Amino acid sequence: MAYGVYGSIMAMNLKELESLIKEAFPDATVEIQDLAGDENHYSATVISSKFAGKTKIEQHKMVYNSLKGKMGNELHALALKTKEKDGSNS
């Protein structure tokens, strides 16, 4: 676990996680659940047109990159589902 300057456990709240993803994927539909109620274990579904033509691995890397190094630090676990946004969805 990562600890802050004063020894308390660092965590990322749901809104911060959502904000980082939406910053990288402005058109995305983002659904996030706090799996353990500890602001440290989340499940996220991200649907974006930016995933067009990308493999699942590439899509997941794109999302992890949007977290700006917080994965493994403030954020311990993220169960991730990604999907290309349909052109008919807005």
Protein backbone atom coordinates (compact mmCIF):
# COMPACT_ATOMS: atom_id res chain seq x y z
CA MET A 1 0.00 0.00 0.00
CA ALA A 2 1.11 3.55 -0.61
CA TYR A 3 1.38 5.89 2.34
CA GLY A 4 1.25 9.67 2.38
CA VAL A 5 3.67 12.02 4.11
CA TYR A 6 2.03 11.47 7.49
CA GLY A 7 1.68 7.69 7.22
CA SER A 8 -2.00 7.57 6.28
CA ILE A 9 -3.05 5.30 3.43
CA MET A 10 -3.34 7.20 0.17
CA ALA A 11 -6.44 6.47 -1.86
CA MET A 12 -8.23 7.86 -4.90
CA ASN A 13 -11.89 8.79 -4.67
CA LEU A 14 -14.34 7.80 -7.35
CA LYS A 15 -14.80 11.37 -8.67
CA GLU A 16 -11.03 11.83 -9.13
CA LEU A 17 -10.80 8.55 -11.01
CA GLU A 18 -13.73 9.49 -13.23
CA SER A 19 -12.27 12.97 -13.84
CA LEU A 20 -8.90 11.59 -15.01
CA ILE A 21 -10.59 9.18 -17.42
CA LYS A 22 -13.00 11.83 -18.76
CA GLU A 23 -10.09 14.25 -19.27
CA ALA A 24 -8.45 11.74 -21.63
CA PHE A 25 -11.73 10.53 -23.18
CA PRO A 26 -14.14 13.51 -23.29
CA ASP A 27 -16.73 11.58 -25.34
CA ALA A 28 -16.66 8.57 -23.02
CA THR A 29 -19.42 6.98 -21.07
CA VAL A 30 -17.76 6.06 -17.77
CA GLU A 31 -19.27 3.83 -15.08
CA ILE A 32 -17.25 3.25 -11.91
CA GLN A 33 -17.96 1.14 -8.83
CA ASP A 34 -16.01 1.10 -5.56
CA LEU A 35 -15.76 -2.66 -5.09
CA ALA A 36 -14.58 -2.74 -1.47
CA GLY A 37 -15.73 0.64 -0.14
CA ASP A 38 -12.11 1.58 0.51
CA GLU A 39 -11.44 4.00 -2.39
CA ASN A 40 -8.72 1.62 -3.49
CA HIS A 41 -10.44 -1.19 -5.45
CA TYR A 42 -12.61 -0.14 -8.39
CA SER A 43 -14.37 -1.55 -11.40
CA ALA A 44 -14.68 0.74 -14.42
CA THR A 45 -16.43 0.48 -17.76
CA VAL A 46 -15.25 3.00 -20.35
CA ILE A 47 -16.97 3.36 -23.73
CA SER A 48 -15.28 5.76 -26.16
CA SER A 49 -14.89 6.37 -29.88
CA LYS A 50 -11.14 6.75 -29.24
CA PHE A 51 -10.99 2.95 -28.98
CA ALA A 52 -11.87 2.52 -32.69
CA GLY A 53 -9.51 0.07 -34.36
CA LYS A 54 -7.63 -0.66 -31.10
CA THR A 55 -7.17 -4.06 -29.48
CA LYS A 56 -8.44 -4.62 -25.92
CA ILE A 57 -4.84 -4.44 -24.68
CA GLU A 58 -4.31 -1.10 -26.43
CA GLN A 59 -7.62 0.20 -25.06
CA HIS A 60 -6.67 -0.78 -21.51
CA LYS A 61 -3.23 0.81 -21.87
CA MET A 62 -4.91 4.03 -23.00
CA VAL A 63 -7.06 4.07 -19.87
CA TYR A 64 -4.14 3.23 -17.57
CA ASN A 65 -2.12 6.04 -19.20
CA SER A 66 -4.97 8.46 -18.43
CA LEU A 67 -4.43 7.74 -14.72
CA LYS A 68 -1.07 9.55 -14.86
CA GLY A 69 0.93 7.08 -12.78
CA LYS A 70 -1.64 6.73 -9.99
CA MET A 71 -2.29 3.04 -10.75
CA GLY A 72 -0.32 1.05 -8.19
CA ASN A 73 0.03 4.09 -5.94
CA GLU A 74 -3.18 5.86 -4.92
CA LEU A 75 -5.17 3.25 -6.84
CA HIS A 76 -4.46 -0.35 -5.93
CA ALA A 77 -6.83 -2.29 -8.21
CA LEU A 78 -8.94 -1.48 -11.25
CA ALA A 79 -11.07 -4.12 -12.98
CA LEU A 80 -11.41 -2.57 -16.42
CA LYS A 81 -13.86 -3.10 -19.29
CA THR A 82 -13.53 -1.05 -22.46
CA LYS A 83 -15.68 -0.82 -25.55
CA GLU A 84 -15.72 1.22 -28.73
CA LYS A 85 -18.54 3.75 -28.77
CA ASP A 86 -21.05 3.13 -31.54
CA GLY A 87 -21.38 5.92 -34.07
CA SER A 88 -25.13 5.86 -33.39
CA ASN A 89 -24.66 6.49 -29.65
CA SER A 90 -24.19 10.05 -28.51
